[in-house]
Amino acid sequence: MKIRITLLITLAILVGAMGTVYLLELGKAHARIAENKVTWFAAVKHHPAGSKSAFEDDWQTINWRSRADTVLVGEGLPYWDEFYVLGGEDPAASPILPASVVDAYIVRIEPVRLPLLLSGTLSMLHRLGISRVQTDTTSEGFRGDGFEAELGPSQENVAALTSRPDEQQPAMVNFLRYSDSARYETGGHGRLSGEEAYALYGSIAFRTVYRLGGQLVTSGTIVEVVREAEAGPTVGAWDSVAIMQYPNQRAILLLESVQEYREALTHRNAGLSKTRVVASLPF
C-alpha cells in the first residue's frame, strides 16, 4: 500500500513538473512561431536618417526581432540593421516595408515544430544543474581547429564579439546554403546530401546549446523568396535560416570546448556550401 501511494505521489509530481515545463515553453519565441499559419524571416536595412521600426501592419505579428551587432562568420560589417520573424494568415500576402527601408531580404520559411516538452525539459535540466556540458578545460580561447576556414569564425570576429558587455545575450542569425552532396574528406558516411550532413551536426549543436543555457528561436527551410537583397554579403540563394539565443558571449565560445560538438563540425563542414552568421541583440 505504501509503495502504491509513493508511486502515485511520484507520478503526480512528474505530471505537475511536465505541466509547468510545458506552460513555461508556451511563452517562448519558438512556440509562438510554430503556431503561425505563415512565417516570414526578414532582414532590413534602414536609411541612416529613417525610422527604425520596419513593420507596423495589423495583419502580421512580430514574433521576434533583433538588431544586428557584429559578424561572427563572414567578412566586414553586418550590413543589415534588424532581423524579424513575422507571422500571418495569408501565404499570398507579403510584409509591407516603410519608405525608410533601403534594402531588405524577405523569405517565407517553414519553421521546425520543436516539441515543447523536449525544449522545456532541456532548459529545466540545465537550470537544475543536471545537464551541463563538460568542457575541455585545457583549451583557452577560440582555436577554430575544427572549422573549415571559409565556414568558421575568424580570430578578429571572435575578438569583436567578446569585446561586447558580458550581460548581453546575443542571438546568432545563421544564413545557410547546403552543398548538393556532402563533402566529407574521408568515407564512412554514405551518400548524404549536404542538408542531411548538416542535420547530423545540427542535432548535436542543438543539445549542446541548451546544455550551455541557450535556446532555439527558430530554424526554417526557405520555401519562397519574397524579396531579394539588392546588395550586401547575403545576396544570392540560401536554403535555410536558423536563429539560436545564447545566455552570453562566453557560451558561444564554449561550444568549441565540448568534444561532441567539435567532432560534429565534420558534418557541418561537409554539409555547408556557404554561410554567414550575424550576432544580434533582441529588443
Protein backbone atom coordinates (compact mmCIF):
# COMPACT_ATOMS: atom_id res chain seq x y z
CA MET A 1 0.00 0.00 0.00
CA LYS A 2 2.81 2.38 0.93
CA ILE A 3 4.61 1.62 -2.34
CA ARG A 4 1.43 2.38 -4.31
CA ILE A 5 0.96 5.69 -2.51
CA THR A 6 4.62 6.59 -3.12
CA LEU A 7 4.26 5.79 -6.81
CA LEU A 8 1.10 7.89 -7.06
CA ILE A 9 2.80 10.83 -5.36
CA THR A 10 5.84 10.49 -7.64
CA LEU A 11 3.59 10.33 -10.69
CA ALA A 12 1.66 13.42 -9.56
CA ILE A 13 4.93 15.32 -9.08
CA LEU A 14 6.14 14.30 -12.54
CA VAL A 15 2.85 15.28 -14.18
CA GLY A 16 2.91 18.61 -12.36
CA ALA A 17 6.52 19.24 -13.39
CA MET A 18 5.75 18.38 -17.01
CA GLY A 19 2.79 20.74 -16.97
CA THR A 20 4.95 23.54 -15.58
CA VAL A 21 7.64 22.93 -18.21
CA TYR A 22 5.02 22.96 -20.97
CA LEU A 23 3.45 26.22 -19.78
CA LEU A 24 6.83 27.92 -19.47
CA GLU A 25 7.72 26.95 -23.04
CA LEU A 26 4.45 28.29 -24.45
CA GLY A 27 5.65 31.86 -23.97
CA LYS A 28 8.93 31.41 -25.79
CA ALA A 29 9.60 32.62 -29.32
CA HIS A 30 9.90 29.20 -30.95
CA ALA A 31 6.47 28.19 -29.58
CA ARG A 32 4.81 31.39 -30.85
CA ILE A 33 6.45 30.98 -34.26
CA ALA A 34 5.33 27.35 -34.51
CA GLU A 35 1.70 28.49 -34.13
CA ASN A 36 1.84 30.70 -37.24
CA LYS A 37 -0.06 29.66 -40.34
CA VAL A 38 2.57 31.53 -42.35
CA THR A 39 6.03 32.59 -41.19
CA TRP A 40 8.43 35.08 -42.76
CA PHE A 41 12.03 35.93 -41.93
CA ALA A 42 13.15 39.45 -42.82
CA ALA A 43 16.48 41.26 -42.75
CA VAL A 44 16.17 45.02 -43.23
CA LYS A 45 18.50 47.94 -43.79
CA HIS A 46 17.25 51.43 -42.96
CA HIS A 47 18.15 54.79 -44.40
CA PRO A 48 20.52 56.41 -41.87
CA ALA A 49 18.01 59.19 -41.18
CA GLY A 50 14.92 56.95 -41.35
CA SER A 51 12.69 55.32 -38.77
CA LYS A 52 13.99 52.17 -37.09
CA SER A 53 10.62 50.41 -36.95
CA ALA A 54 10.11 48.33 -40.08
CA PHE A 55 6.79 46.55 -39.61
CA GLU A 56 3.62 48.04 -38.16
CA ASP A 57 0.81 46.35 -40.13
CA ASP A 58 -2.11 44.86 -38.20
CA TRP A 59 -2.33 41.72 -40.36
CA GLN A 60 1.10 40.44 -39.32
CA THR A 61 2.53 39.59 -35.93
CA ILE A 62 6.10 40.32 -34.89
CA ASN A 63 7.12 37.06 -33.21
CA TRP A 64 10.72 38.06 -32.69
CA ARG A 65 13.11 40.86 -33.65
CA SER A 66 16.70 41.89 -33.05
CA ARG A 67 19.27 44.50 -34.01
CA ALA A 68 22.38 43.37 -35.86
CA ASP A 69 25.52 43.82 -33.77
CA THR A 70 28.61 42.15 -35.22
CA VAL A 71 29.59 39.45 -37.72
CA LEU A 72 30.78 36.09 -36.39
CA VAL A 73 31.18 34.20 -39.68
CA GLY A 74 31.92 36.28 -42.76
CA GLU A 75 33.77 39.48 -43.55
CA GLY A 76 33.03 43.12 -42.92
CA LEU A 77 30.11 44.72 -41.11
CA PRO A 78 26.68 43.08 -40.65
CA TYR A 79 25.16 45.30 -43.43
CA TRP A 80 21.64 44.62 -42.10
CA ASP A 81 20.24 46.75 -39.27
CA GLU A 82 17.47 44.49 -37.98
CA PHE A 83 16.10 40.97 -38.23
CA TYR A 84 12.46 39.92 -37.84
CA VAL A 85 10.40 36.75 -37.64
CA LEU A 86 6.82 37.55 -38.65
CA GLY A 87 3.60 35.57 -38.54
CA GLY A 88 0.45 35.89 -40.63
CA GLU A 89 -2.56 34.10 -42.09
CA ASP A 90 -2.22 34.51 -45.86
CA PRO A 91 0.74 33.00 -47.76
CA ALA A 92 -0.09 35.19 -50.75
CA ALA A 93 0.45 38.34 -48.69
CA SER A 94 3.88 39.88 -48.18
CA PRO A 95 5.18 42.18 -45.46
CA ILE A 96 4.93 45.87 -46.36
CA LEU A 97 8.04 47.94 -45.77
CA PRO A 98 8.07 51.67 -44.95
CA ALA A 99 9.97 54.17 -47.08
CA SER A 100 12.80 54.26 -44.53
CA VAL A 101 13.93 50.76 -45.59
CA VAL A 102 16.53 50.96 -48.38
CA ASP A 103 17.12 47.22 -48.72
CA ALA A 104 15.53 44.03 -47.44
CA TYR A 105 15.75 40.27 -47.72
CA ILE A 106 12.37 38.64 -47.03
CA VAL A 107 11.63 34.93 -47.27
CA ARG A 108 8.78 32.67 -46.28
CA ILE A 109 10.05 29.81 -44.16
CA GLU A 110 8.70 26.51 -42.90
CA PRO A 111 9.87 26.50 -39.27
CA VAL A 112 10.62 23.36 -37.30
CA ARG A 113 7.94 22.45 -34.78
CA LEU A 114 10.00 21.76 -31.69
CA PRO A 115 8.22 19.57 -29.09
CA LEU A 116 7.66 21.87 -26.11
CA LEU A 117 8.32 19.15 -23.56
CA LEU A 118 11.68 18.44 -25.20
CA SER A 119 12.93 22.04 -25.22
CA GLY A 120 11.40 22.72 -21.81
CA THR A 121 12.98 19.64 -20.26
CA LEU A 122 16.40 20.52 -21.67
CA SER A 123 16.12 24.05 -20.28
CA MET A 124 14.95 22.78 -16.89
CA LEU A 125 17.75 20.22 -16.64
CA HIS A 126 20.28 22.98 -17.31
CA ARG A 127 18.76 25.29 -14.68
CA LEU A 128 18.80 22.47 -12.14
CA GLY A 129 22.44 21.72 -12.96
CA ILE A 130 21.61 18.17 -14.01
CA SER A 131 22.60 18.53 -17.68
CA ARG A 132 25.50 20.85 -18.27
CA VAL A 133 28.41 20.48 -20.65
CA GLN A 134 31.73 19.04 -19.66
CA THR A 135 34.21 21.32 -21.39
CA ASP A 136 37.82 20.75 -22.28
CA THR A 137 39.47 22.88 -19.62
CA THR A 138 42.85 22.57 -21.29
CA SER A 139 41.74 24.79 -24.18
CA GLU A 140 41.92 28.55 -23.75
CA GLY A 141 40.09 30.95 -26.00
CA PHE A 142 38.94 30.29 -29.52
CA ARG A 143 41.01 27.86 -31.60
CA GLY A 144 38.89 27.23 -34.68
CA ASP A 145 40.66 23.95 -35.45
CA GLY A 146 37.51 22.09 -36.48
CA PHE A 147 36.04 24.76 -38.75
CA GLU A 148 36.69 24.92 -42.46
CA ALA A 149 38.31 28.32 -42.98
CA GLU A 150 35.55 29.94 -45.04
CA LEU A 151 32.77 28.48 -42.90
CA GLY A 152 34.02 29.36 -39.43
CA PRO A 153 34.68 32.43 -37.28
CA SER A 154 37.90 34.38 -37.69
CA GLN A 155 40.01 35.44 -34.74
CA GLU A 156 39.12 39.08 -35.50
CA ASN A 157 35.39 38.37 -35.44
CA VAL A 158 35.67 36.43 -32.20
CA ALA A 159 37.60 39.33 -30.67
CA ALA A 160 34.85 41.75 -31.74
CA LEU A 161 32.19 39.50 -30.19
CA THR A 162 33.99 39.10 -26.87
CA SER A 163 34.57 42.86 -26.59
CA ARG A 164 30.82 43.31 -26.03
CA PRO A 165 29.41 43.70 -22.47
CA ASP A 166 29.12 40.42 -20.55
CA GLU A 167 25.44 40.93 -19.77
CA GLN A 168 24.44 40.87 -23.45
CA GLN A 169 22.53 37.78 -24.60
CA PRO A 170 23.31 37.52 -28.32
CA ALA A 171 21.11 35.75 -30.83
CA MET A 172 23.06 34.28 -33.72
CA VAL A 173 21.31 34.61 -37.09
CA ASN A 174 22.58 31.90 -39.46
CA PHE A 175 22.17 32.12 -43.23
CA LEU A 176 22.74 28.60 -44.58
CA ARG A 177 23.42 27.25 -48.07
CA TYR A 178 23.91 23.49 -48.39
CA SER A 179 26.13 21.58 -50.76
CA ASP A 180 24.30 19.33 -53.21
CA SER A 181 26.27 16.37 -51.88
CA ALA A 182 28.07 16.11 -48.56
CA ARG A 183 31.79 16.89 -48.90
CA TYR A 184 33.44 14.54 -46.40
CA GLU A 185 37.22 14.26 -46.60
CA THR A 186 37.02 10.59 -45.65
CA GLY A 187 34.45 7.88 -46.34
CA GLY A 188 32.16 6.08 -43.96
CA HIS A 189 29.14 8.39 -44.11
CA GLY A 190 27.32 7.00 -47.12
CA ARG A 191 25.90 9.17 -49.86
CA LEU A 192 24.41 12.02 -47.89
CA SER A 193 23.16 15.32 -49.23
CA GLY A 194 24.63 18.48 -47.79
CA GLU A 195 21.41 19.12 -45.89
CA GLU A 196 21.46 15.63 -44.38
CA ALA A 197 25.07 16.07 -43.27
CA TYR A 198 24.29 19.42 -41.70
CA ALA A 199 21.32 17.88 -39.87
CA LEU A 200 23.74 15.48 -38.14
CA TYR A 201 25.69 18.49 -36.91
CA GLY A 202 22.51 20.39 -36.05
CA SER A 203 21.13 17.77 -33.67
CA ILE A 204 24.35 17.80 -31.63
CA ALA A 205 24.67 21.59 -31.76
CA PHE A 206 21.06 21.89 -30.57
CA ARG A 207 21.66 19.74 -27.48
CA THR A 208 24.94 21.49 -26.71
CA VAL A 209 23.43 24.98 -26.92
CA TYR A 210 20.66 24.01 -24.48
CA ARG A 211 23.20 22.48 -22.09
CA LEU A 212 25.03 25.81 -22.15
CA GLY A 213 21.84 27.67 -21.21
CA GLY A 214 20.84 28.78 -24.71
CA GLN A 215 17.69 28.10 -26.69
CA LEU A 216 16.29 27.89 -30.20
CA VAL A 217 14.43 30.91 -31.58
CA THR A 218 13.61 29.27 -34.90
CA SER A 219 15.08 27.19 -37.68
CA GLY A 220 13.31 27.06 -41.00
CA THR A 221 13.61 25.92 -44.59
CA ILE A 222 13.16 28.72 -47.10
CA VAL A 223 10.12 27.91 -49.25
CA GLU A 224 9.69 31.24 -51.04
CA VAL A 225 11.81 34.32 -51.65
CA VAL A 226 9.51 37.32 -51.28
CA ARG A 227 12.19 39.95 -51.81
CA GLU A 228 15.81 39.50 -52.83
CA ALA A 229 18.55 41.57 -51.24
CA GLU A 230 19.84 44.23 -53.60
CA ALA A 231 23.31 44.43 -52.05
CA GLY A 232 25.40 43.20 -49.16
CA PRO A 233 27.01 39.87 -48.27
CA THR A 234 23.75 37.89 -48.18
CA VAL A 235 22.92 38.46 -51.84
CA GLY A 236 22.25 35.15 -53.55
CA ALA A 237 20.45 31.90 -52.81
CA TRP A 238 20.06 30.44 -49.31
CA ASP A 239 18.38 27.23 -48.19
CA SER A 240 17.63 27.83 -44.52
CA VAL A 241 17.72 30.35 -41.73
CA ALA A 242 18.42 29.37 -38.12
CA ILE A 243 18.46 31.58 -35.01
CA MET A 244 19.88 30.49 -31.65
CA GLN A 245 19.81 32.59 -28.46
CA TYR A 246 22.71 32.39 -26.01
CA PRO A 247 22.91 33.46 -22.35
CA ASN A 248 26.17 35.34 -23.01
CA GLN A 249 29.12 35.54 -25.41
CA ARG A 250 31.16 33.06 -23.38
CA ALA A 251 28.61 30.33 -24.06
CA ILE A 252 29.20 30.70 -27.81
CA LEU A 253 32.93 30.23 -27.40
CA LEU A 254 32.44 27.29 -25.04
CA LEU A 255 30.80 25.32 -27.83
CA GLU A 256 34.21 24.53 -29.25
CA SER A 257 35.37 23.21 -25.87
CA VAL A 258 32.78 20.41 -25.96
CA GLN A 259 34.28 17.29 -27.53
CA GLU A 260 31.00 16.03 -29.00
CA TYR A 261 30.43 19.41 -30.66
CA ARG A 262 33.99 19.57 -32.04
CA GLU A 263 33.56 16.14 -33.59
CA ALA A 264 30.25 17.21 -35.14
CA LEU A 265 31.97 20.05 -37.02
CA THR A 266 32.98 17.41 -39.59
CA HIS A 267 29.30 17.20 -40.59
CA ARG A 268 28.95 20.99 -40.64
CA ASN A 269 31.93 21.36 -42.96
CA ALA A 270 30.67 18.56 -45.19
CA GLY A 271 27.14 19.92 -45.41
CA LEU A 272 27.60 23.64 -45.98
CA SER A 273 28.43 25.34 -49.25
CA LYS A 274 28.43 28.81 -47.67
CA THR A 275 27.18 30.55 -44.56
CA ARG A 276 27.05 33.91 -42.85
CA VAL A 277 26.42 34.30 -39.13
CA VAL A 278 25.50 37.62 -37.54
CA ALA A 279 25.36 38.26 -33.80
CA SER A 280 22.29 40.30 -32.94
CA LEU A 281 20.61 41.72 -29.85
CA PRO A 282 16.87 41.04 -29.39
CA PHE A 283 14.68 44.01 -28.48
